[in-house]
N, C-alpha and C. Protein backbone atom coordinates (compact mmCIF):
# COMPACT_ATOMS: atom_id res chain seq x y z
N MET A 1 -15.38 1.35 30.98
CA MET A 1 -14.20 1.66 31.87
C MET A 1 -14.64 2.47 33.10
N ALA A 2 -14.26 1.94 34.23
CA ALA A 2 -14.69 2.37 35.48
C ALA A 2 -14.54 3.54 36.16
N GLN A 3 -13.64 4.39 35.23
CA GLN A 3 -13.01 5.53 35.91
C GLN A 3 -13.91 6.89 35.17
N THR A 4 -13.82 7.89 35.64
CA THR A 4 -14.18 8.99 34.89
C THR A 4 -13.34 9.43 33.88
N PRO A 5 -13.72 9.95 32.68
CA PRO A 5 -13.11 10.19 31.64
C PRO A 5 -11.67 10.82 31.61
N SER A 6 -11.97 11.74 32.63
CA SER A 6 -10.78 12.63 33.25
C SER A 6 -9.58 11.74 33.87
N LYS A 7 -9.93 10.72 34.04
CA LYS A 7 -8.71 9.81 35.02
C LYS A 7 -8.67 8.72 34.12
N VAL A 8 -8.61 8.39 32.62
CA VAL A 8 -8.48 7.40 32.08
C VAL A 8 -7.12 7.31 31.81
N LEU A 9 -6.53 5.75 32.18
CA LEU A 9 -5.16 5.46 32.48
C LEU A 9 -4.59 4.91 31.23
N VAL A 10 -3.63 4.89 30.96
CA VAL A 10 -2.80 4.18 29.76
C VAL A 10 -2.97 2.61 29.91
N LYS A 11 -3.24 2.06 31.10
CA LYS A 11 -3.64 0.66 31.10
C LYS A 11 -4.97 0.24 30.57
N ASP A 12 -5.63 1.25 30.70
CA ASP A 12 -6.99 0.85 30.30
C ASP A 12 -7.44 1.12 28.77
N ILE A 13 -6.61 1.63 27.95
CA ILE A 13 -6.65 1.47 26.29
C ILE A 13 -5.34 1.01 25.66
N MET A 14 -4.18 0.61 26.31
CA MET A 14 -3.16 0.03 25.68
C MET A 14 -3.62 -1.19 24.95
N THR A 15 -2.58 -1.61 23.72
CA THR A 15 -2.67 -2.85 23.17
C THR A 15 -1.82 -3.62 23.88
N ARG A 16 -2.25 -4.89 24.44
CA ARG A 16 -1.76 -5.84 25.12
C ARG A 16 -0.73 -6.77 24.35
N SER A 17 -1.02 -6.81 23.24
CA SER A 17 -0.36 -7.74 22.31
C SER A 17 0.82 -7.10 21.90
N ILE A 18 1.97 -7.59 21.95
CA ILE A 18 3.37 -7.33 21.90
C ILE A 18 3.97 -8.05 20.98
N ILE A 19 4.32 -7.39 19.87
CA ILE A 19 5.15 -7.94 18.76
C ILE A 19 6.67 -7.58 18.85
N SER A 20 7.43 -8.57 18.89
CA SER A 20 8.90 -8.09 19.42
C SER A 20 9.81 -9.19 18.71
N VAL A 21 11.21 -8.57 18.57
CA VAL A 21 12.19 -9.45 17.88
C VAL A 21 13.43 -9.17 18.99
N ASP A 22 14.28 -10.14 18.87
CA ASP A 22 15.64 -10.15 19.67
C ASP A 22 16.38 -9.11 19.05
N SER A 23 17.25 -8.61 19.80
CA SER A 23 18.30 -7.48 19.37
C SER A 23 19.22 -7.87 18.16
N ALA A 24 19.43 -9.50 18.16
CA ALA A 24 20.30 -9.90 17.20
C ALA A 24 19.23 -10.37 15.96
N ALA A 25 18.46 -10.03 15.81
CA ALA A 25 17.69 -10.41 14.55
C ALA A 25 17.88 -9.19 13.40
N THR A 26 17.73 -9.76 12.14
CA THR A 26 18.09 -8.79 11.10
C THR A 26 16.87 -7.72 10.81
N VAL A 27 17.26 -6.75 10.18
CA VAL A 27 16.06 -5.96 9.62
C VAL A 27 15.06 -6.82 9.00
N ASN A 28 15.43 -7.78 8.20
CA ASN A 28 14.77 -8.57 7.03
C ASN A 28 13.80 -9.54 7.97
N GLU A 29 14.44 -9.83 9.03
CA GLU A 29 13.43 -10.82 9.92
C GLU A 29 12.40 -9.96 10.56
N ALA A 30 12.97 -8.56 11.12
CA ALA A 30 11.84 -7.87 11.76
C ALA A 30 10.90 -7.42 10.86
N ALA A 31 11.25 -7.04 9.66
CA ALA A 31 10.18 -6.60 8.45
C ALA A 31 9.17 -7.70 8.19
N LYS A 32 9.65 -8.94 8.15
CA LYS A 32 8.82 -10.12 7.92
C LYS A 32 7.68 -10.36 8.97
N THR A 33 8.26 -10.26 10.20
CA THR A 33 7.72 -10.14 11.46
C THR A 33 6.57 -9.02 11.71
N MET A 34 6.95 -8.05 11.28
CA MET A 34 5.88 -6.80 10.89
C MET A 34 4.79 -7.37 9.76
N GLU A 35 5.37 -7.83 8.88
CA GLU A 35 4.12 -7.91 7.66
C GLU A 35 3.35 -9.07 8.44
N LYS A 36 3.74 -10.33 8.83
CA LYS A 36 3.21 -11.36 9.39
C LYS A 36 2.13 -10.87 10.14
N ALA A 37 2.34 -10.12 11.35
CA ALA A 37 1.71 -9.58 12.20
C ALA A 37 0.60 -8.29 11.94
N LYS A 38 0.95 -7.93 10.72
CA LYS A 38 0.13 -6.70 10.32
C LYS A 38 0.01 -5.43 11.10
N VAL A 39 1.38 -5.25 11.72
CA VAL A 39 1.83 -3.84 12.62
C VAL A 39 2.70 -3.00 11.93
N GLY A 40 2.67 -2.01 12.35
CA GLY A 40 3.91 -0.84 11.97
C GLY A 40 5.16 -0.91 12.62
N ALA A 41 5.14 -1.76 13.71
CA ALA A 41 6.63 -1.64 14.71
C ALA A 41 6.69 -3.14 15.40
N VAL A 42 7.88 -3.05 15.71
CA VAL A 42 8.41 -4.23 16.54
C VAL A 42 9.23 -3.73 17.63
N LEU A 43 8.93 -4.24 18.91
CA LEU A 43 9.61 -3.94 20.07
C LEU A 43 11.22 -4.76 19.80
N ILE A 44 12.21 -4.09 19.96
CA ILE A 44 13.38 -4.85 20.18
C ILE A 44 13.89 -5.18 21.71
N MET A 45 14.22 -6.36 21.84
CA MET A 45 14.15 -6.95 23.19
C MET A 45 15.65 -7.66 23.18
N GLU A 46 16.22 -7.45 24.53
CA GLU A 46 17.51 -7.98 24.68
C GLU A 46 17.30 -8.79 26.12
N LYS A 47 17.57 -9.97 26.44
CA LYS A 47 17.36 -10.71 27.55
C LYS A 47 15.79 -10.21 28.18
N ASN A 48 14.81 -10.12 27.53
CA ASN A 48 13.60 -9.98 27.89
C ASN A 48 13.58 -8.22 28.36
N VAL A 49 14.16 -7.68 27.90
CA VAL A 49 14.38 -6.26 28.44
C VAL A 49 14.09 -5.44 27.36
N PRO A 50 12.92 -4.51 27.04
CA PRO A 50 13.06 -3.74 25.94
C PRO A 50 14.00 -2.80 25.65
N LEU A 51 14.67 -2.87 24.60
CA LEU A 51 15.83 -1.86 24.13
C LEU A 51 15.61 -0.84 23.41
N GLY A 52 14.61 -1.13 22.27
CA GLY A 52 14.52 0.06 21.48
C GLY A 52 12.97 -0.42 20.55
N ILE A 53 12.85 0.36 19.44
CA ILE A 53 11.94 -0.11 18.72
C ILE A 53 12.16 0.09 17.11
N MET A 54 11.71 -0.56 16.39
CA MET A 54 11.85 -0.32 14.76
C MET A 54 10.36 -0.43 14.18
N THR A 55 10.16 0.90 13.73
CA THR A 55 9.08 1.24 13.06
C THR A 55 9.18 1.06 11.22
N ASP A 56 7.75 0.92 10.66
CA ASP A 56 7.97 0.92 9.37
C ASP A 56 8.61 2.47 8.75
N ARG A 57 8.59 3.43 9.56
CA ARG A 57 9.20 4.69 9.03
C ARG A 57 10.76 4.42 9.35
N ASP A 58 11.14 3.75 10.36
CA ASP A 58 12.58 3.46 10.49
C ASP A 58 12.92 2.72 9.18
N PHE A 59 12.35 1.68 8.97
CA PHE A 59 12.49 0.64 7.84
C PHE A 59 12.79 1.64 6.71
N ALA A 60 11.62 2.49 6.40
CA ALA A 60 11.78 3.05 5.16
C ALA A 60 13.04 4.35 4.91
N ILE A 61 13.21 5.00 6.14
CA ILE A 61 14.18 5.84 6.04
C ILE A 61 15.59 5.27 6.27
N LYS A 62 15.87 4.43 7.18
CA LYS A 62 17.34 4.05 7.70
C LYS A 62 17.54 2.87 6.59
N ILE A 63 16.81 2.17 6.24
CA ILE A 63 17.16 0.97 5.41
C ILE A 63 17.26 1.19 3.83
N ALA A 64 15.94 1.88 3.26
CA ALA A 64 15.61 2.09 2.07
C ALA A 64 16.54 3.32 1.57
N ALA A 65 16.34 4.28 2.31
CA ALA A 65 17.06 5.70 1.74
C ALA A 65 18.62 5.65 1.98
N HIS A 66 19.10 4.86 2.95
CA HIS A 66 20.52 4.96 3.31
C HIS A 66 21.03 3.56 2.87
N ALA A 67 20.45 2.65 2.14
CA ALA A 67 20.78 1.67 1.34
C ALA A 67 21.58 0.49 2.26
N TYR A 68 21.15 0.34 3.54
CA TYR A 68 21.38 -0.71 4.44
C TYR A 68 21.35 -1.98 3.91
N PRO A 69 21.94 -3.07 4.01
CA PRO A 69 21.78 -4.45 3.43
C PRO A 69 20.70 -4.68 4.34
N ILE A 70 19.79 -5.86 3.89
CA ILE A 70 18.57 -6.49 4.78
C ILE A 70 19.09 -7.45 5.92
N HIS A 71 20.44 -7.70 5.76
CA HIS A 71 21.00 -8.62 6.96
C HIS A 71 21.56 -7.59 7.81
N THR A 72 21.52 -6.29 7.93
CA THR A 72 21.81 -5.55 9.04
C THR A 72 21.11 -5.81 10.18
N LYS A 73 21.63 -5.83 11.61
CA LYS A 73 20.99 -6.11 12.57
C LYS A 73 20.03 -5.04 13.07
N VAL A 74 18.93 -5.33 13.68
CA VAL A 74 18.02 -4.22 14.12
C VAL A 74 18.74 -3.40 15.23
N LYS A 75 19.34 -3.87 15.93
CA LYS A 75 20.06 -3.22 17.10
C LYS A 75 20.92 -1.85 16.35
N GLN A 76 21.26 -2.00 15.19
CA GLN A 76 21.76 -1.05 14.61
C GLN A 76 20.94 0.01 13.93
N VAL A 77 19.77 -0.21 13.57
CA VAL A 77 19.03 0.81 13.33
C VAL A 77 17.63 1.20 13.89
N MET A 78 17.60 0.48 15.14
CA MET A 78 16.24 0.68 15.85
C MET A 78 16.40 2.13 16.39
N SER A 79 15.28 2.75 16.95
CA SER A 79 15.17 3.96 17.65
C SER A 79 15.47 3.67 19.19
N SER A 80 16.12 4.34 19.44
CA SER A 80 16.75 4.03 20.83
C SER A 80 17.39 5.43 21.23
N PRO A 81 17.19 5.76 22.82
CA PRO A 81 16.82 5.00 23.77
C PRO A 81 15.11 5.17 23.66
N LEU A 82 14.82 4.10 24.10
CA LEU A 82 13.28 3.76 23.98
C LEU A 82 12.32 4.74 24.91
N ILE A 83 11.59 5.52 24.07
CA ILE A 83 10.53 6.54 24.94
C ILE A 83 9.49 5.58 25.27
N TYR A 84 9.18 5.72 26.38
CA TYR A 84 8.13 4.77 27.16
C TYR A 84 7.11 5.53 28.13
N ILE A 85 5.98 4.94 28.49
CA ILE A 85 5.35 5.54 29.53
C ILE A 85 4.62 4.29 30.61
N SER A 86 4.55 4.74 31.46
CA SER A 86 4.08 3.89 32.67
C SER A 86 2.67 3.51 32.62
N PRO A 87 2.00 2.11 32.90
CA PRO A 87 0.67 1.88 32.59
C PRO A 87 -0.45 2.74 33.52
N ASP A 88 0.48 3.29 34.48
CA ASP A 88 -0.78 4.26 35.59
C ASP A 88 -0.64 5.48 35.14
N ASP A 89 -0.07 6.21 34.05
CA ASP A 89 -0.25 7.37 33.54
C ASP A 89 -1.39 7.73 33.08
N GLU A 90 -2.08 8.71 33.17
CA GLU A 90 -3.22 9.37 32.20
C GLU A 90 -3.02 9.32 30.99
N VAL A 91 -3.99 8.98 30.01
CA VAL A 91 -3.86 9.10 28.77
C VAL A 91 -3.43 10.46 27.90
N TRP A 92 -3.73 11.53 28.74
CA TRP A 92 -3.24 12.74 28.23
C TRP A 92 -1.78 12.92 28.17
N VAL A 93 -1.13 12.37 29.21
CA VAL A 93 0.27 12.19 29.21
C VAL A 93 0.73 11.48 28.07
N ALA A 94 0.25 10.53 27.65
CA ALA A 94 0.65 9.78 26.53
C ALA A 94 0.44 10.43 25.40
N ALA A 95 -0.77 11.10 25.07
CA ALA A 95 -1.15 12.11 23.90
C ALA A 95 0.02 12.97 23.92
N ASP A 96 0.44 13.75 24.76
CA ASP A 96 1.38 14.75 24.62
C ASP A 96 2.78 14.26 24.55
N LEU A 97 3.18 13.05 25.19
CA LEU A 97 4.62 12.81 24.85
C LEU A 97 4.45 12.08 23.38
N MET A 98 3.67 11.54 22.67
CA MET A 98 3.78 11.08 21.26
C MET A 98 3.44 12.48 20.54
N TYR A 99 2.82 13.48 20.88
CA TYR A 99 2.77 14.65 19.89
C TYR A 99 4.06 15.48 20.16
N SER A 100 4.74 15.53 21.20
CA SER A 100 5.96 16.25 21.42
C SER A 100 7.01 15.63 20.98
N ARG A 101 7.08 14.13 20.82
CA ARG A 101 8.17 13.56 20.04
C ARG A 101 8.03 12.84 18.84
N LYS A 102 6.83 13.44 18.27
CA LYS A 102 6.38 12.82 16.91
C LYS A 102 6.52 11.52 16.89
N ILE A 103 5.98 10.61 17.62
CA ILE A 103 5.79 9.22 17.59
C ILE A 103 4.74 8.80 17.46
N ARG A 104 4.09 7.49 16.98
CA ARG A 104 3.18 6.93 16.97
C ARG A 104 2.71 5.77 17.64
N LYS A 105 3.72 5.36 18.29
CA LYS A 105 3.63 4.05 19.13
C LYS A 105 4.68 4.09 20.51
N LEU A 106 3.89 4.21 21.55
CA LEU A 106 4.64 4.13 22.81
C LEU A 106 4.60 3.14 23.80
N PRO A 107 5.54 2.44 23.86
CA PRO A 107 5.76 1.10 24.68
C PRO A 107 5.06 1.51 26.08
N VAL A 108 4.39 0.52 26.83
CA VAL A 108 4.15 0.61 28.22
C VAL A 108 4.95 -0.22 29.11
N ILE A 109 5.78 0.44 29.76
CA ILE A 109 6.47 -0.34 30.52
C ILE A 109 6.55 0.04 32.03
N ASP A 110 6.57 -1.07 32.80
CA ASP A 110 6.54 -1.18 34.55
C ASP A 110 7.65 -2.05 34.97
N GLU A 111 8.47 -1.34 35.46
CA GLU A 111 9.98 -1.94 36.19
C GLU A 111 10.49 -3.02 34.94
N ASP A 112 10.96 -2.32 34.12
CA ASP A 112 11.59 -3.02 32.77
C ASP A 112 10.81 -4.14 32.13
N ARG A 113 9.59 -4.15 32.75
CA ARG A 113 8.68 -5.13 31.89
C ARG A 113 7.74 -4.57 31.05
N LEU A 114 7.66 -4.98 29.79
CA LEU A 114 7.13 -4.64 28.75
C LEU A 114 5.56 -5.12 28.83
N LEU A 115 4.39 -4.13 29.02
CA LEU A 115 2.97 -4.60 29.36
C LEU A 115 2.38 -4.72 27.85
N GLY A 116 2.63 -3.46 27.15
CA GLY A 116 1.82 -3.35 26.07
C GLY A 116 2.23 -2.15 25.47
N VAL A 117 1.45 -1.68 24.29
CA VAL A 117 1.94 -0.47 23.54
C VAL A 117 0.54 0.33 23.42
N VAL A 118 0.83 1.57 23.44
CA VAL A 118 -0.39 2.63 23.24
C VAL A 118 0.36 3.16 21.99
N THR A 119 -1.00 3.12 20.94
CA THR A 119 -0.87 3.77 19.62
C THR A 119 -1.52 5.04 19.38
N ALA A 120 -1.32 5.55 18.33
CA ALA A 120 -2.29 6.83 17.91
C ALA A 120 -3.63 6.43 17.92
N THR A 121 -3.75 5.06 17.35
CA THR A 121 -5.05 4.45 16.91
C THR A 121 -5.65 4.36 18.33
N ASP A 122 -5.01 3.99 19.21
CA ASP A 122 -5.65 3.67 20.52
C ASP A 122 -6.39 4.82 21.13
N LEU A 123 -5.79 6.06 20.93
CA LEU A 123 -6.09 7.29 21.50
C LEU A 123 -7.18 7.75 20.49
N ILE A 124 -7.12 7.48 19.42
CA ILE A 124 -8.04 8.03 18.34
C ILE A 124 -9.61 7.41 18.78
N LYS A 125 -9.28 5.92 19.03
CA LYS A 125 -10.53 5.29 19.48
C LYS A 125 -11.17 5.77 20.84
N LEU A 126 -10.32 5.99 21.88
CA LEU A 126 -10.74 6.42 22.92
C LEU A 126 -11.79 7.91 22.89
N PHE A 127 -11.07 8.69 22.07
CA PHE A 127 -11.64 9.98 21.73
C PHE A 127 -12.91 9.97 20.74
N THR A 128 -13.08 8.94 19.86
CA THR A 128 -14.16 8.74 19.24
C THR A 128 -15.43 8.53 19.91
N VAL A 129 -15.16 7.65 21.16
CA VAL A 129 -16.39 7.23 21.94
C VAL A 129 -16.58 8.25 23.06
N CYS A 130 -15.79 9.17 23.19
CA CYS A 130 -16.02 10.47 24.19
C CYS A 130 -16.97 11.32 23.71
N ASN A 131 -17.97 11.89 24.44
CA ASN A 131 -18.83 13.04 23.96
C ASN A 131 -18.06 14.15 24.47
N LYS A 132 -18.48 15.51 24.13
CA LYS A 132 -17.77 16.89 24.24
C LYS A 132 -17.64 16.97 25.78
N GLU A 133 -18.43 16.74 26.44
CA GLU A 133 -18.39 16.95 28.00
C GLU A 133 -17.23 16.10 28.43
N ASP A 134 -17.04 14.75 28.06
CA ASP A 134 -15.90 13.79 28.41
C ASP A 134 -14.50 14.50 27.98
N VAL A 135 -14.47 14.92 26.53
CA VAL A 135 -13.31 15.52 26.23
C VAL A 135 -12.99 16.91 27.21
N ARG A 136 -13.87 17.72 27.20
CA ARG A 136 -13.68 18.92 28.32
C ARG A 136 -13.07 18.28 29.50
N LYS A 137 -13.67 17.40 30.13
CA LYS A 137 -13.53 16.90 31.58
C LYS A 137 -11.75 16.63 31.41
N MET A 138 -11.35 15.75 30.36
CA MET A 138 -10.00 15.45 30.14
C MET A 138 -9.14 16.74 29.86
N TYR A 139 -9.57 17.60 29.24
CA TYR A 139 -8.79 18.64 28.85
C TYR A 139 -8.34 19.39 30.00
N TYR A 140 -9.22 19.71 30.95
CA TYR A 140 -9.28 20.43 32.06
C TYR A 140 -8.42 19.83 32.95
N SER A 141 -8.74 18.31 33.24
CA SER A 141 -7.81 17.71 33.89
C SER A 141 -6.36 17.99 33.74
N ALA A 142 -5.93 17.77 32.22
CA ALA A 142 -4.69 18.20 32.03
C ALA A 142 -4.14 19.56 32.01
N LEU A 143 -4.95 20.56 31.92
CA LEU A 143 -4.47 22.02 32.37
C LEU A 143 -4.19 21.94 33.62
N SER A 144 -5.04 21.11 34.48
CA SER A 144 -4.89 21.57 36.04
C SER A 144 -3.89 20.88 36.52
N LYS A 145 -3.24 19.99 35.70
CA LYS A 145 -1.89 19.40 35.99
C LYS A 145 -0.69 20.45 35.77
N ILE A 146 -0.97 21.22 34.71
CA ILE A 146 0.10 22.06 34.10
C ILE A 146 0.21 23.30 35.07
N PHE A 147 -0.83 23.98 35.58
CA PHE A 147 -1.07 24.95 36.40
C PHE A 147 -1.42 24.66 37.82
N ASP A 148 -0.50 25.57 38.90
CA ASP A 148 -0.85 25.08 40.09
C ASP A 148 -2.35 25.28 40.69
N ASP A 149 -2.56 24.84 41.81
CA ASP A 149 -4.01 24.73 42.57
C ASP A 149 -4.73 26.12 42.51
N HIS A 150 -3.85 27.07 42.66
CA HIS A 150 -4.20 28.57 42.70
C HIS A 150 -5.02 28.82 41.44
N ASN A 151 -4.31 28.45 40.29
CA ASN A 151 -4.88 28.83 38.85
C ASN A 151 -5.94 27.70 38.51
N GLU A 152 -6.36 26.62 39.04
CA GLU A 152 -7.14 25.77 38.64
C GLU A 152 -8.50 26.19 38.72
N GLU A 153 -9.17 27.00 39.54
CA GLU A 153 -10.09 27.68 39.38
C GLU A 153 -10.37 28.40 38.18
N THR A 154 -9.34 29.39 37.91
CA THR A 154 -9.43 29.80 36.59
C THR A 154 -9.59 28.96 35.15
N VAL A 155 -8.67 28.07 35.28
CA VAL A 155 -9.00 26.96 34.13
C VAL A 155 -10.35 26.39 34.18
N ALA A 156 -10.68 26.10 35.19
CA ALA A 156 -12.13 25.50 35.13
C ALA A 156 -13.40 26.18 34.87
N ASN A 157 -13.01 27.66 35.00
CA ASN A 157 -13.76 28.84 34.57
C ASN A 157 -13.98 29.08 33.11
N TYR A 158 -12.72 28.56 32.44
CA TYR A 158 -12.50 29.10 31.18
C TYR A 158 -13.54 28.66 30.13
């Protein structure tokens, strides 16, 4: 990566491979697509615009636990509205959003165009190659965004 660790952007770590189904697909078709691609989620698209997401957790809870038939349309059970992030956001924003919303997959969208997905695994991969100083820089960068410039010195001296 050409950037300092404190400025790693979502587009630098996102998974560019996109697995999606049309909103008219059934949950059975979506599950088969997920199985074939060996992924835990599919993006739900309508006229090439991302509309929602269906995860393996959605399938387990909404289909299995509530006994929806497998021919139910994904549009009826997908998670929506779609929580997403911009490719130019810093990775700490993605991590914070995923933590606060309790999600593991975050679509990356720019002007209604789906570019990729950031997963919890992508974040873990990034943090496992960072040394302690890299993590400290990312942490301080995130904290300095939270506090105003006056307090930035206090944060840096922590």
